[in-house]
Amino acid sequence: MALEARELWQGMTPPLLSSFDVDALEAAQEAVPELPRGLLLDEWRNDWRELTARLGCVLYSSQP
């Protein structure tokens, strides 16, 4: 998905790749590190800062 996004948005503002799946964000980071990523969570995590930093996320969103 990340590789396809890079090709589809070539020459334009890149899309934000967001997911609830940490493994998917890790794969996107490895495949296309230049695309911005966002971590979505359906519950609060105390380690959100470390997790978003490790994943290189520019967005974090959690349900209260």
N, C-alpha and C. Protein backbone atom coordinates (compact mmCIF):
# COMPACT_ATOMS: atom_id res chain seq x y z
N MET A 1 0.81 -1.18 0.00
CA MET A 1 0.00 0.00 0.00
C MET A 1 0.86 1.26 0.00
N ALA A 2 1.89 1.29 0.83
CA ALA A 2 2.76 2.47 0.91
C ALA A 2 3.48 2.72 -0.41
N LEU A 3 3.93 1.66 -1.04
CA LEU A 3 4.62 1.81 -2.33
C LEU A 3 3.67 2.35 -3.39
N GLU A 4 2.44 1.87 -3.40
CA GLU A 4 1.43 2.37 -4.35
C GLU A 4 1.10 3.83 -4.07
N ALA A 5 0.99 4.19 -2.81
CA ALA A 5 0.70 5.58 -2.44
C ALA A 5 1.80 6.50 -2.94
N ARG A 6 3.04 6.08 -2.78
CA ARG A 6 4.16 6.90 -3.25
C ARG A 6 4.05 7.14 -4.75
N GLU A 7 3.70 6.12 -5.50
CA GLU A 7 3.58 6.26 -6.95
C GLU A 7 2.39 7.12 -7.34
N LEU A 8 1.24 6.90 -6.70
CA LEU A 8 0.03 7.63 -7.05
C LEU A 8 0.13 9.12 -6.74
N TRP A 9 0.85 9.48 -5.67
CA TRP A 9 0.95 10.88 -5.26
C TRP A 9 2.28 11.50 -5.67
N GLN A 10 2.97 10.90 -6.61
CA GLN A 10 4.26 11.41 -7.04
C GLN A 10 4.11 12.85 -7.55
N GLY A 11 4.92 13.76 -7.02
CA GLY A 11 4.88 15.15 -7.44
C GLY A 11 3.82 15.98 -6.75
N MET A 12 3.06 15.37 -5.85
CA MET A 12 2.01 16.08 -5.12
C MET A 12 2.28 15.99 -3.62
N THR A 13 1.48 16.70 -2.84
CA THR A 13 1.58 16.59 -1.39
C THR A 13 1.31 15.14 -1.01
N PRO A 14 2.19 14.52 -0.25
CA PRO A 14 2.01 13.09 0.06
C PRO A 14 0.82 12.85 0.98
N PRO A 15 0.21 11.69 0.86
CA PRO A 15 -0.91 11.34 1.73
C PRO A 15 -0.41 10.97 3.13
N LEU A 16 -1.29 11.06 4.09
CA LEU A 16 -1.00 10.61 5.45
C LEU A 16 -1.45 9.16 5.54
N LEU A 17 -0.52 8.26 5.79
CA LEU A 17 -0.85 6.85 5.96
C LEU A 17 -1.18 6.63 7.42
N SER A 18 -2.44 6.35 7.71
CA SER A 18 -2.85 6.15 9.11
C SER A 18 -3.45 4.77 9.27
N SER A 19 -3.25 4.21 10.47
CA SER A 19 -3.72 2.86 10.72
C SER A 19 -3.84 2.61 12.21
N PHE A 20 -4.73 1.67 12.56
CA PHE A 20 -4.82 1.15 13.91
C PHE A 20 -3.80 0.03 14.13
N ASP A 21 -3.19 -0.43 13.05
CA ASP A 21 -2.30 -1.59 13.07
C ASP A 21 -0.83 -1.15 13.13
N VAL A 22 -0.19 -1.36 14.25
CA VAL A 22 1.21 -0.97 14.43
C VAL A 22 2.10 -1.69 13.42
N ASP A 23 1.82 -2.96 13.16
CA ASP A 23 2.63 -3.72 12.19
C ASP A 23 2.54 -3.09 10.80
N ALA A 24 1.36 -2.62 10.43
CA ALA A 24 1.19 -1.98 9.12
C ALA A 24 1.99 -0.68 9.04
N LEU A 25 1.99 0.09 10.12
CA LEU A 25 2.77 1.33 10.14
C LEU A 25 4.27 1.04 10.11
N GLU A 26 4.70 -0.01 10.78
CA GLU A 26 6.11 -0.41 10.72
C GLU A 26 6.50 -0.80 9.30
N ALA A 27 5.63 -1.55 8.62
CA ALA A 27 5.90 -1.95 7.24
C ALA A 27 5.95 -0.74 6.32
N ALA A 28 5.04 0.21 6.52
CA ALA A 28 5.04 1.43 5.71
C ALA A 28 6.30 2.24 5.95
N GLN A 29 6.73 2.32 7.19
CA GLN A 29 7.95 3.05 7.54
C GLN A 29 9.16 2.43 6.86
N GLU A 30 9.21 1.13 6.84
CA GLU A 30 10.33 0.43 6.21
C GLU A 30 10.30 0.58 4.69
N ALA A 31 9.11 0.47 4.10
CA ALA A 31 8.98 0.50 2.64
C ALA A 31 9.16 1.90 2.07
N VAL A 32 8.52 2.88 2.69
CA VAL A 32 8.53 4.25 2.17
C VAL A 32 8.63 5.23 3.34
N PRO A 33 9.82 5.38 3.90
CA PRO A 33 9.96 6.20 5.11
C PRO A 33 9.60 7.67 4.93
N GLU A 34 9.62 8.17 3.69
CA GLU A 34 9.34 9.59 3.47
C GLU A 34 7.85 9.94 3.55
N LEU A 35 6.96 8.94 3.50
CA LEU A 35 5.53 9.24 3.62
C LEU A 35 5.16 9.41 5.09
N PRO A 36 4.37 10.45 5.41
CA PRO A 36 3.96 10.65 6.80
C PRO A 36 3.01 9.56 7.27
N ARG A 37 3.11 9.24 8.56
CA ARG A 37 2.29 8.18 9.14
C ARG A 37 1.54 8.71 10.36
N GLY A 38 0.36 8.12 10.59
CA GLY A 38 -0.44 8.47 11.76
C GLY A 38 -0.90 7.22 12.48
N LEU A 39 -0.78 7.23 13.79
CA LEU A 39 -1.20 6.09 14.62
C LEU A 39 -2.59 6.35 15.17
N LEU A 40 -3.50 5.44 14.91
CA LEU A 40 -4.87 5.51 15.42
C LEU A 40 -5.04 4.41 16.45
N LEU A 41 -5.60 4.75 17.60
CA LEU A 41 -5.84 3.75 18.64
C LEU A 41 -7.26 3.88 19.15
N ASP A 42 -7.88 2.75 19.46
CA ASP A 42 -9.25 2.80 19.97
C ASP A 42 -9.29 2.82 21.49
N GLU A 43 -8.10 2.83 22.12
CA GLU A 43 -8.02 2.99 23.57
C GLU A 43 -6.69 3.64 23.92
N TRP A 44 -6.66 4.33 25.04
CA TRP A 44 -5.46 5.04 25.49
C TRP A 44 -4.32 4.08 25.76
N ARG A 45 -3.11 4.51 25.38
CA ARG A 45 -1.89 3.77 25.71
C ARG A 45 -0.93 4.72 26.39
N ASN A 46 -0.38 4.29 27.50
CA ASN A 46 0.57 5.13 28.22
C ASN A 46 1.88 5.32 27.46
N ASP A 47 2.19 4.41 26.55
CA ASP A 47 3.44 4.49 25.80
C ASP A 47 3.27 5.17 24.44
N TRP A 48 2.23 5.98 24.28
CA TRP A 48 1.94 6.56 22.97
C TRP A 48 3.09 7.42 22.44
N ARG A 49 3.78 8.14 23.31
CA ARG A 49 4.89 8.99 22.84
C ARG A 49 6.03 8.16 22.29
N GLU A 50 6.40 7.12 23.02
CA GLU A 50 7.49 6.25 22.56
C GLU A 50 7.09 5.54 21.26
N LEU A 51 5.84 5.08 21.21
CA LEU A 51 5.37 4.35 20.04
C LEU A 51 5.33 5.25 18.80
N THR A 52 4.79 6.45 18.93
CA THR A 52 4.73 7.35 17.78
C THR A 52 6.14 7.79 17.36
N ALA A 53 7.04 7.97 18.31
CA ALA A 53 8.42 8.34 17.97
C ALA A 53 9.10 7.20 17.22
N ARG A 54 8.92 5.98 17.70
CA ARG A 54 9.55 4.82 17.05
C ARG A 54 9.02 4.63 15.63
N LEU A 55 7.73 4.89 15.45
CA LEU A 55 7.11 4.73 14.14
C LEU A 55 7.28 5.96 13.25
N GLY A 56 7.82 7.03 13.80
CA GLY A 56 7.99 8.26 13.03
C GLY A 56 6.67 8.91 12.66
N CYS A 57 5.68 8.78 13.53
CA CYS A 57 4.34 9.30 13.24
C CYS A 57 4.27 10.81 13.43
N VAL A 58 3.48 11.45 12.58
CA VAL A 58 3.22 12.88 12.70
C VAL A 58 1.84 13.13 13.31
N LEU A 59 1.08 12.05 13.54
CA LEU A 59 -0.26 12.16 14.10
C LEU A 59 -0.51 11.01 15.05
N TYR A 60 -1.20 11.31 16.12
CA TYR A 60 -1.65 10.29 17.07
C TYR A 60 -3.09 10.62 17.41
N SER A 61 -3.97 9.65 17.33
CA SER A 61 -5.37 9.86 17.68
C SER A 61 -5.87 8.66 18.46
N SER A 62 -6.51 8.95 19.60
CA SER A 62 -7.03 7.89 20.46
C SER A 62 -8.41 8.26 20.94
N GLN A 63 -9.28 7.26 21.02
CA GLN A 63 -10.60 7.47 21.60
C GLN A 63 -10.44 7.61 23.10
N PRO A 64 -11.23 8.48 23.73
CA PRO A 64 -11.11 8.64 25.19
C PRO A 64 -11.52 7.40 25.95
